[in-house]
Amino acid sequence: MKVAYLSLGSNIGDRLGYLNQATKLLNEHVDINVMKISSVYETAAWGFVDQDDFYNIVLEIETKLLPKDLLEVCQKIENKSERTRKKHWRPRTLDIDILLYEDVEFKEKSLILPHEYMLDRPFVTIPLAEIAPEKRVKSVKISTVAKQHSKLEDKCLKTTYKIEI
């Protein structure tokens, strides 16, 4: 089994419902075990900012799947949630990004590992630091980046909501 980290976000409709459903579907997959789930964070949109706030979580999973196969599973779950891909960084029912897959470095058009923007995004680093504070990315400790992000004006607020499997 390999360890991977996924970022999940939703800003349309039943945001918590989409995060719950996606987490359960991932955990029900024969080759995936959800090991840890961060708290739910309410965050301002990133990229195209003129849209509703997101609910975001980070999952630690164990998987037998290779990175591209894991991506395919994630995209199928997004599709079950009626995700549309009209324009980049626009509102969506569900977004699942693979942040890390072991210490694999991989670069193709459809998948870049580690995720190319993860260290720039408070909605990734803060929940990731909650469940894996000692994790390092590009020799940088996630908890260090998360501390810096928590001091920014970017909205990334821990909610009282929990995602259960």
Protein backbone atom coordinates (compact mmCIF):
# COMPACT_ATOMS: atom_id res chain seq x y z
CA MET A 1 0.00 0.00 0.00
CA LYS A 2 1.16 3.51 -0.85
CA VAL A 3 0.30 6.67 1.09
CA ALA A 4 -1.23 9.59 -0.77
CA TYR A 5 -2.86 12.88 0.21
CA LEU A 6 -5.93 14.28 -1.50
CA SER A 7 -7.48 17.73 -1.33
CA LEU A 8 -11.28 17.91 -1.69
CA GLY A 9 -13.28 21.08 -2.18
CA SER A 10 -16.85 22.13 -2.96
CA ASN A 11 -18.56 25.50 -3.41
CA ILE A 12 -21.87 24.66 -5.10
CA GLY A 13 -24.97 23.18 -3.50
CA ASP A 14 -24.64 20.85 -0.52
CA ARG A 15 -20.92 21.41 0.04
CA LEU A 16 -20.72 19.13 3.09
CA GLY A 17 -22.80 16.49 1.35
CA TYR A 18 -20.43 16.38 -1.61
CA LEU A 19 -17.39 16.08 0.68
CA ASN A 20 -19.08 13.33 2.70
CA GLN A 21 -20.14 11.40 -0.39
CA ALA A 22 -16.69 11.65 -1.99
CA THR A 23 -14.94 10.51 1.19
CA LYS A 24 -17.26 7.51 1.51
CA LEU A 25 -16.87 6.56 -2.16
CA LEU A 26 -13.09 6.74 -1.88
CA ASN A 27 -13.12 4.58 1.25
CA GLU A 28 -15.49 2.05 -0.35
CA HIS A 29 -13.11 1.53 -3.29
CA VAL A 30 -11.46 -1.89 -3.00
CA ASP A 31 -7.96 -0.40 -3.45
CA ILE A 32 -8.30 2.68 -1.20
CA ASN A 33 -8.44 3.10 2.59
CA VAL A 34 -9.10 6.54 4.05
CA MET A 35 -6.76 6.80 7.04
CA LYS A 36 -7.13 10.42 8.21
CA ILE A 37 -9.55 13.26 7.53
CA SER A 38 -8.82 16.89 8.35
CA SER A 39 -11.37 19.25 9.78
CA VAL A 40 -13.55 21.11 7.29
CA TYR A 41 -12.24 24.57 6.42
CA GLU A 42 -14.24 27.36 4.84
CA THR A 43 -12.02 29.15 2.37
CA ALA A 44 -12.15 31.93 -0.14
CA ALA A 45 -11.94 30.93 -3.79
CA TRP A 46 -8.47 30.77 -5.35
CA GLY A 47 -7.71 31.64 -8.98
CA PHE A 48 -11.07 33.00 -10.13
CA VAL A 49 -12.17 34.72 -6.92
CA ASP A 50 -15.63 36.01 -7.90
CA GLN A 51 -17.50 32.94 -6.60
CA ASP A 52 -18.86 31.45 -3.38
CA ASP A 53 -16.58 30.19 -0.61
CA PHE A 54 -15.42 26.59 -0.57
CA TYR A 55 -15.49 23.91 2.05
CA ASN A 56 -12.15 22.08 1.89
CA ILE A 57 -10.66 18.99 3.52
CA VAL A 58 -7.51 16.92 3.10
CA LEU A 59 -7.47 13.13 3.29
CA GLU A 60 -4.62 10.76 3.95
CA ILE A 61 -5.23 7.51 2.10
CA GLU A 62 -3.52 4.20 1.56
CA THR A 63 -3.90 2.79 -1.91
CA LYS A 64 -2.78 -0.01 -4.19
CA LEU A 65 -3.53 2.19 -7.22
CA LEU A 66 -0.85 3.86 -9.28
CA PRO A 67 -1.10 7.67 -9.46
CA LYS A 68 -2.84 7.84 -12.85
CA ASP A 69 -5.31 5.13 -11.79
CA LEU A 70 -6.02 7.05 -8.58
CA LEU A 71 -6.62 10.17 -10.66
CA GLU A 72 -9.13 8.24 -12.78
CA VAL A 73 -11.02 7.11 -9.64
CA CYS A 74 -11.07 10.70 -8.33
CA GLN A 75 -12.42 12.02 -11.63
CA LYS A 76 -15.16 9.38 -11.71
CA ILE A 77 -16.24 10.46 -8.22
CA GLU A 78 -16.23 14.11 -9.37
CA ASN A 79 -18.41 13.11 -12.31
CA LYS A 80 -20.87 11.32 -9.99
CA SER A 81 -21.18 14.65 -8.19
CA GLU A 82 -22.16 16.34 -11.47
CA ARG A 83 -18.86 18.19 -11.73
CA THR A 84 -18.55 20.26 -14.89
CA ARG A 85 -15.26 21.37 -16.38
CA LYS A 86 -16.22 24.44 -18.40
CA LYS A 87 -13.43 26.76 -17.29
CA HIS A 88 -10.43 26.44 -14.98
CA TRP A 89 -10.87 27.46 -11.31
CA ARG A 90 -14.62 28.06 -11.62
CA PRO A 91 -17.41 27.05 -9.21
CA ARG A 92 -17.81 23.28 -8.81
CA THR A 93 -19.74 20.72 -6.86
CA LEU A 94 -16.60 18.74 -6.17
CA ASP A 95 -12.91 19.00 -6.85
CA ILE A 96 -10.46 16.26 -5.88
CA ASP A 97 -6.75 16.88 -6.33
CA ILE A 98 -3.94 14.45 -5.66
CA LEU A 99 -1.45 16.44 -3.62
CA LEU A 100 1.17 13.81 -2.86
CA TYR A 101 1.74 10.17 -3.68
CA GLU A 102 4.55 8.80 -1.54
CA ASP A 103 7.66 10.73 -2.63
CA VAL A 104 6.83 10.34 -6.31
CA GLU A 105 7.68 13.18 -8.67
CA PHE A 106 5.67 12.98 -11.85
CA LYS A 107 4.84 15.48 -14.58
CA GLU A 108 2.33 15.06 -17.37
CA LYS A 109 -0.41 17.32 -18.65
CA SER A 110 -3.09 15.48 -16.65
CA LEU A 111 -1.13 15.01 -13.41
CA ILE A 112 1.76 16.73 -11.66
CA LEU A 113 3.14 15.33 -8.39
CA PRO A 114 3.65 16.86 -5.96
CA HIS A 115 0.72 19.11 -6.88
CA GLU A 116 2.23 22.21 -8.45
CA TYR A 117 0.28 24.79 -6.41
CA MET A 118 -0.06 23.02 -3.08
CA LEU A 119 2.51 25.11 -1.20
CA ASP A 120 0.79 28.31 -2.39
CA ARG A 121 -2.67 27.41 -1.12
CA PRO A 122 -3.68 27.92 2.51
CA PHE A 123 -6.72 25.67 1.95
CA VAL A 124 -4.26 22.85 1.25
CA THR A 125 -1.40 23.49 3.65
CA ILE A 126 -3.49 24.27 6.74
CA PRO A 127 -5.66 21.10 6.66
CA LEU A 128 -2.67 19.00 5.52
CA ALA A 129 -0.63 20.27 8.47
CA GLU A 130 -3.49 19.25 10.75
CA ILE A 131 -3.21 15.57 9.74
CA ALA A 132 0.46 15.36 8.68
CA PRO A 133 2.42 18.20 10.35
CA GLU A 134 5.82 16.56 9.85
CA LYS A 135 5.28 15.92 6.13
CA ARG A 136 7.81 17.60 3.86
CA VAL A 137 7.32 18.79 0.31
CA LYS A 138 10.31 19.94 -1.70
CA SER A 139 12.29 19.84 1.58
CA VAL A 140 9.83 22.26 3.21
CA LYS A 141 7.92 21.21 6.31
CA ILE A 142 4.16 21.53 5.74
CA SER A 143 3.50 22.84 9.26
CA THR A 144 5.96 25.70 8.64
CA VAL A 145 4.17 26.75 5.46
CA ALA A 146 0.78 26.37 7.15
CA LYS A 147 1.88 28.70 9.98
CA GLN A 148 2.88 31.32 7.42
CA HIS A 149 -0.43 30.88 5.59
CA SER A 150 -2.45 31.19 8.80
CA LYS A 151 -1.04 34.72 9.23
CA LEU A 152 -2.23 35.84 5.78
CA GLU A 153 -5.49 37.62 5.16
CA ASP A 154 -6.67 34.74 2.96
CA LYS A 155 -9.82 33.26 4.42
CA CYS A 156 -9.21 29.72 5.67
CA LEU A 157 -11.34 29.16 8.75
CA LYS A 158 -11.68 25.87 10.58
CA THR A 159 -15.35 24.98 10.96
CA THR A 160 -17.03 22.74 13.51
CA TYR A 161 -18.09 20.33 10.75
CA LYS A 162 -16.57 16.85 10.60
CA ILE A 163 -16.53 14.35 7.75
CA GLU A 164 -17.02 10.79 8.94
CA ILE A 165 -16.62 7.51 7.08
